[in-house]
């Protein structure tokens, strides 16, 4: 088995059967060549590896639409997971057509999955403060970077001193986002100072480790999960960041740019309007009409 297969397939619970292993290794090479982030590749491979183990079909190109519908239809998945799995199946079998393994994709007939209604869940401020108080310096900085700058775990893991940009108002951070996209996020003075100190101590990376010189995104997420109680996560702190900005009157376009979203529709899924916002808007409108 080649290097790609060892890296992405062997860590699973057990090897995938038949020809799936070599096929998924080749697909991995295709995804990497297309520039997909490692987190996306792992997710896609996890979905296809699960299918391989339960389908009973050793040849991935012998899978039928009925097989896919039967498998997905038996799962108790959230809507977003179901959408993600469908996208993985579409991507895999479309690649199969490009690679000449089959003429028609069995995944194209899978029913579309409606996106779930947005349910932003910002971490309550008291819980956030308790997590900070109970954490060491490294975990505290991880939590603060999500809550005060809106970074994802992958983006946090890659922070390097060269990404700190001095400007007239202080410092901004060049964030390495999803799909290789970069964005500039202004930092408050306290967070900028702490990141600079961490980069200096880490000789470049704010969170030094074994993944190309820095901690892995997965480990960043684990450190945050240990600090936050219940089902609160580092990602929910991005919800807090977006919701706090909305509460300050920041427009959605600006919040979208700070979060690195491709569309405002995605940003709306992160923002929970303040309880008083609807009433205040109606009152303001009526006062304007009276005037």
Protein backbone atom coordinates (compact mmCIF):
# COMPACT_ATOMS: atom_id res chain seq x y z
CA UNK A 1 0.00 0.00 0.00
CA UNK A 2 1.41 3.42 -0.92
CA UNK A 3 2.15 6.39 1.37
CA UNK A 4 -1.19 8.12 0.85
CA UNK A 5 -3.09 4.98 1.75
CA UNK A 6 -1.04 4.56 4.92
CA UNK A 7 -1.64 8.13 6.02
CA UNK A 8 -5.34 8.38 5.35
CA UNK A 9 -6.76 4.85 5.44
CA UNK A 10 -4.89 2.72 7.96
CA UNK A 11 -5.81 4.91 10.98
CA UNK A 12 -9.44 3.83 10.48
CA UNK A 13 -10.95 1.07 12.66
CA UNK A 14 -10.02 -1.66 10.15
CA UNK A 15 -8.80 -1.78 6.55
CA UNK A 16 -11.36 -1.25 3.83
CA UNK A 17 -12.14 -4.37 1.76
CA UNK A 18 -11.27 -5.40 -1.76
CA UNK A 19 -10.18 -2.79 -4.25
CA UNK A 20 -11.38 0.10 -2.10
CA UNK A 21 -8.01 0.72 -0.45
CA UNK A 22 -6.03 1.40 -3.61
CA UNK A 23 -8.94 3.33 -5.13
CA UNK A 24 -9.29 5.63 -2.15
CA UNK A 25 -5.52 6.19 -2.12
CA UNK A 26 -5.71 7.31 -5.76
CA UNK A 27 -8.66 9.56 -4.97
CA UNK A 28 -6.65 11.06 -2.11
CA UNK A 29 -3.91 11.98 -4.57
CA UNK A 30 -6.53 13.64 -6.78
CA UNK A 31 -7.94 15.65 -3.87
CA UNK A 32 -4.49 16.76 -2.75
CA UNK A 33 -3.57 17.75 -6.29
CA UNK A 34 -6.73 19.86 -6.39
CA UNK A 35 -5.61 21.69 -3.26
CA UNK A 36 -8.27 20.45 -0.85
CA UNK A 37 -7.32 20.96 2.83
CA UNK A 38 -6.33 17.89 4.82
CA UNK A 39 -9.41 18.23 7.02
CA UNK A 40 -11.71 17.98 3.99
CA UNK A 41 -9.78 15.00 2.65
CA UNK A 42 -10.08 13.14 5.95
CA UNK A 43 -13.81 13.80 6.07
CA UNK A 44 -14.35 12.60 2.50
CA UNK A 45 -12.27 9.46 3.09
CA UNK A 46 -14.05 8.70 6.34
CA UNK A 47 -17.41 8.77 4.53
CA UNK A 48 -16.27 6.49 1.70
CA UNK A 49 -14.44 4.13 4.05
CA UNK A 50 -17.62 3.67 6.08
CA UNK A 51 -19.51 2.84 2.90
CA UNK A 52 -16.82 0.36 1.86
CA UNK A 53 -17.02 -1.53 5.14
CA UNK A 54 -20.80 -1.94 5.26
CA UNK A 55 -21.74 -2.23 1.59
CA UNK A 56 -20.56 -5.80 1.13
CA UNK A 57 -19.36 -4.79 -2.34
CA UNK A 58 -15.62 -5.21 -2.85
CA UNK A 59 -15.50 -3.24 -6.11
CA UNK A 60 -16.29 0.46 -5.53
CA UNK A 61 -17.43 0.82 -9.13
CA UNK A 62 -20.05 -1.91 -8.72
CA UNK A 63 -22.03 0.13 -6.18
CA UNK A 64 -25.52 1.04 -7.40
CA UNK A 65 -27.80 3.96 -6.67
CA UNK A 66 -30.04 1.63 -4.69
CA UNK A 67 -27.03 0.61 -2.57
CA UNK A 68 -26.31 4.26 -1.76
CA UNK A 69 -29.93 5.09 -0.99
CA UNK A 70 -30.25 2.01 1.21
CA UNK A 71 -27.12 2.90 3.19
CA UNK A 72 -27.81 6.61 3.64
CA UNK A 73 -31.48 6.00 4.34
CA UNK A 74 -30.70 3.75 7.30
CA UNK A 75 -28.53 6.31 9.07
CA UNK A 76 -29.69 8.57 11.91
CA UNK A 77 -27.69 11.59 10.78
CA UNK A 78 -28.21 15.29 11.31
CA UNK A 79 -29.10 17.19 8.14
CA UNK A 80 -25.64 18.74 7.82
CA UNK A 81 -23.95 15.34 8.16
CA UNK A 82 -26.29 13.90 5.56
CA UNK A 83 -25.47 16.79 3.20
CA UNK A 84 -21.76 16.26 3.79
CA UNK A 85 -21.94 12.53 3.05
CA UNK A 86 -23.93 13.19 -0.12
CA UNK A 87 -21.29 15.67 -1.26
CA UNK A 88 -18.55 13.10 -0.60
CA UNK A 89 -20.36 10.47 -2.65
CA UNK A 90 -20.96 12.93 -5.49
CA UNK A 91 -17.30 13.98 -5.50
CA UNK A 92 -16.01 10.40 -5.43
CA UNK A 93 -18.13 9.06 -8.26
CA UNK A 94 -17.64 12.16 -10.40
CA UNK A 95 -13.92 11.57 -10.04
CA UNK A 96 -14.55 7.95 -11.04
CA UNK A 97 -16.02 9.17 -14.32
CA UNK A 98 -13.07 11.48 -14.95
CA UNK A 99 -10.64 8.65 -14.17
CA UNK A 100 -12.45 6.35 -16.61
CA UNK A 101 -13.76 3.83 -14.09
CA UNK A 102 -17.43 4.24 -14.98
CA UNK A 103 -19.70 6.19 -17.32
CA UNK A 104 -22.48 7.23 -14.97
CA UNK A 105 -22.40 8.18 -11.30
CA UNK A 106 -24.71 6.20 -9.01
CA UNK A 107 -24.65 9.16 -6.59
CA UNK A 108 -26.30 11.66 -8.95
CA UNK A 109 -29.76 10.25 -8.20
CA UNK A 110 -29.39 10.63 -4.45
CA UNK A 111 -32.12 12.97 -3.13
CA UNK A 112 -31.06 16.48 -2.22
CA UNK A 113 -30.91 17.25 1.46
CA UNK A 114 -32.44 20.51 2.59
CA UNK A 115 -30.16 22.61 4.74
CA UNK A 116 -31.19 22.74 8.37
CA UNK A 117 -32.47 25.97 9.83
CA UNK A 118 -29.69 28.07 11.34
CA UNK A 119 -29.20 27.48 15.05
CA UNK A 120 -26.31 29.65 16.20
CA UNK A 121 -25.08 28.69 19.65
CA UNK A 122 -22.73 31.31 21.06
CA UNK A 123 -20.94 30.21 24.20
CA UNK A 124 -22.40 32.06 27.22
CA UNK A 125 -19.92 34.64 28.47
CA UNK A 126 -19.83 33.21 31.99
CA UNK A 127 -18.90 29.76 30.69
CA UNK A 128 -16.20 31.29 28.51
CA UNK A 129 -14.70 33.17 31.49
CA UNK A 130 -14.73 30.01 33.62
CA UNK A 131 -12.91 28.10 30.86
CA UNK A 132 -10.26 30.82 30.64
CA UNK A 133 -9.75 30.81 34.39
CA UNK A 134 -9.25 27.03 34.49
CA UNK A 135 -6.91 26.79 31.47
CA UNK A 136 -3.17 27.03 31.03
CA UNK A 137 -1.62 29.77 28.90
CA UNK A 138 -1.67 27.74 25.67
CA UNK A 139 -5.31 26.73 25.91
CA UNK A 140 -6.31 30.22 27.02
CA UNK A 141 -4.77 31.66 23.87
CA UNK A 142 -6.57 29.07 21.74
CA UNK A 143 -9.92 30.03 23.28
CA UNK A 144 -9.24 33.75 22.99
CA UNK A 145 -8.21 33.52 19.35
CA UNK A 146 -11.55 31.91 18.50
CA UNK A 147 -13.65 34.24 20.65
CA UNK A 148 -11.82 37.50 19.95
CA UNK A 149 -10.74 36.99 16.33
CA UNK A 150 -13.16 34.34 15.05
CA UNK A 151 -10.55 31.84 13.83
CA UNK A 152 -11.22 28.18 13.04
CA UNK A 153 -9.13 25.49 14.73
CA UNK A 154 -7.10 24.89 11.56
CA UNK A 155 -6.40 28.61 11.25
CA UNK A 156 -5.36 28.81 14.90
CA UNK A 157 -2.95 25.90 14.52
CA UNK A 158 -1.05 27.66 11.71
CA UNK A 159 -0.50 31.07 13.35
CA UNK A 160 3.10 32.14 12.76
CA UNK A 161 5.00 35.27 13.65
CA UNK A 162 5.29 36.18 9.97
CA UNK A 163 1.48 36.41 9.83
CA UNK A 164 1.43 39.32 12.30
CA UNK A 165 1.11 42.55 10.34
CA UNK A 166 1.80 45.91 12.03
CA UNK A 167 -0.46 48.74 10.90
CA UNK A 168 -1.32 52.26 12.00
CA UNK A 169 -3.81 51.03 14.62
CA UNK A 170 -1.82 48.09 16.02
CA UNK A 171 -1.58 44.58 14.59
CA UNK A 172 -3.60 42.46 12.19
CA UNK A 173 -3.27 38.76 11.45
CA UNK A 174 -2.92 37.17 8.02
CA UNK A 175 -5.18 34.14 8.46
CA UNK A 176 -4.67 31.01 6.35
CA UNK A 177 -8.27 29.93 5.77
CA UNK A 178 -10.14 27.10 4.12
CA UNK A 179 -9.23 26.21 0.55
CA UNK A 180 -5.97 28.14 0.74
CA UNK A 181 -7.80 31.46 1.02
CA UNK A 182 -6.27 34.17 3.14
CA UNK A 183 -7.86 37.08 4.95
CA UNK A 184 -6.72 39.89 7.21
CA UNK A 185 -8.25 40.04 10.69
CA UNK A 186 -7.49 43.01 12.99
CA UNK A 187 -6.42 42.06 16.53
CA UNK A 188 -7.06 43.87 19.76
CA UNK A 189 -3.86 45.00 21.49
CA UNK A 190 -3.99 42.41 24.27
CA UNK A 191 -4.51 39.45 21.92
CA UNK A 192 -1.85 40.70 19.51
CA UNK A 193 0.67 41.01 22.34
CA UNK A 194 -0.08 37.51 23.64
CA UNK A 195 0.21 35.98 20.16
CA UNK A 196 3.53 37.75 19.61
CA UNK A 197 4.85 36.38 22.91
CA UNK A 198 3.68 32.86 22.03
CA UNK A 199 5.34 33.04 18.61
CA UNK A 200 8.57 34.22 20.20
CA UNK A 201 8.50 31.38 22.73
CA UNK A 202 7.62 28.88 20.00
CA UNK A 203 10.36 30.14 17.68
CA UNK A 204 7.91 31.04 14.97
CA UNK A 205 4.63 29.19 15.49
CA UNK A 206 2.30 30.27 18.27
CA UNK A 207 1.46 26.61 18.87
CA UNK A 208 4.58 24.57 18.00
CA UNK A 209 4.13 20.86 17.41
CA UNK A 210 4.81 17.92 15.12
CA UNK A 211 2.41 18.80 12.26
CA UNK A 212 4.76 20.71 9.92
CA UNK A 213 6.12 22.53 12.94
CA UNK A 214 2.81 23.29 14.66
CA UNK A 215 0.04 21.50 16.54
CA UNK A 216 -2.58 19.74 14.45
CA UNK A 217 -6.02 21.27 14.10
CA UNK A 218 -7.48 18.16 15.74
CA UNK A 219 -5.33 18.62 18.84
CA UNK A 220 -6.20 22.32 19.01
CA UNK A 221 -9.87 21.27 19.05
CA UNK A 222 -9.24 18.67 21.76
CA UNK A 223 -7.52 21.19 24.03
CA UNK A 224 -10.47 23.54 23.66
CA UNK A 225 -12.99 20.73 24.25
CA UNK A 226 -11.25 19.80 27.50
CA UNK A 227 -11.52 23.38 28.72
CA UNK A 228 -15.15 23.96 27.71
CA UNK A 229 -17.92 22.11 29.58
CA UNK A 230 -20.67 19.98 28.07
CA UNK A 231 -21.06 20.16 24.32
CA UNK A 232 -19.57 23.63 23.99
CA UNK A 233 -16.78 23.66 21.43
CA UNK A 234 -14.16 25.91 19.91
CA UNK A 235 -16.39 26.33 16.88
CA UNK A 236 -19.17 27.72 19.10
CA UNK A 237 -16.76 30.48 20.11
CA UNK A 238 -16.83 31.58 16.46
CA UNK A 239 -20.58 31.88 16.94
CA UNK A 240 -19.85 34.04 19.99
CA UNK A 241 -17.49 36.24 17.99
CA UNK A 242 -20.04 36.76 15.22
CA UNK A 243 -22.95 37.30 17.60
CA UNK A 244 -21.03 39.82 19.70
CA UNK A 245 -20.13 41.79 16.58
CA UNK A 246 -23.76 41.79 15.47
CA UNK A 247 -24.77 43.07 18.88
CA UNK A 248 -22.36 45.98 18.46
CA UNK A 249 -24.13 46.93 15.23
CA UNK A 250 -21.55 45.47 12.84
CA UNK A 251 -23.05 44.75 9.41
CA UNK A 252 -23.24 41.16 8.15
CA UNK A 253 -20.88 41.81 5.23
CA UNK A 254 -18.11 42.87 7.58
CA UNK A 255 -18.74 39.87 9.85
CA UNK A 256 -18.69 37.61 6.78
CA UNK A 257 -15.28 38.95 5.77
CA UNK A 258 -13.87 38.57 9.28
CA UNK A 259 -15.07 34.96 9.53
CA UNK A 260 -13.87 34.06 6.04
CA UNK A 261 -17.25 32.85 4.79
CA UNK A 262 -18.01 32.53 1.10
CA UNK A 263 -21.50 33.95 1.54
CA UNK A 264 -23.54 36.06 3.95
CA UNK A 265 -26.03 33.16 4.14
CA UNK A 266 -23.40 31.12 5.97
CA UNK A 267 -22.65 34.02 8.29
CA UNK A 268 -26.31 34.25 9.26
CA UNK A 269 -26.04 30.71 10.62
CA UNK A 270 -23.45 31.99 13.11
CA UNK A 271 -25.23 35.06 14.41
CA UNK A 272 -27.91 35.13 17.08
CA UNK A 273 -29.67 38.53 17.07
CA UNK A 274 -30.07 40.09 20.52
CA UNK A 275 -33.47 39.56 22.14
CA UNK A 276 -34.26 43.24 21.92
CA UNK A 277 -33.26 43.63 18.27
CA UNK A 278 -36.66 42.93 16.69
CA UNK A 279 -38.57 45.24 19.03
CA UNK A 280 -35.98 47.98 18.69
CA UNK A 281 -36.20 47.76 14.89
CA UNK A 282 -40.01 47.98 14.89
CA UNK A 283 -40.01 50.92 17.32
CA UNK A 284 -37.36 52.76 15.33
CA UNK A 285 -39.37 52.26 12.14
CA UNK A 286 -42.56 53.59 13.69
CA UNK A 287 -40.78 56.65 15.10
CA UNK A 288 -39.28 57.37 11.72
CA UNK A 289 -42.71 57.22 10.02
CA UNK A 290 -44.27 59.49 12.66
CA UNK A 291 -41.51 62.03 12.18
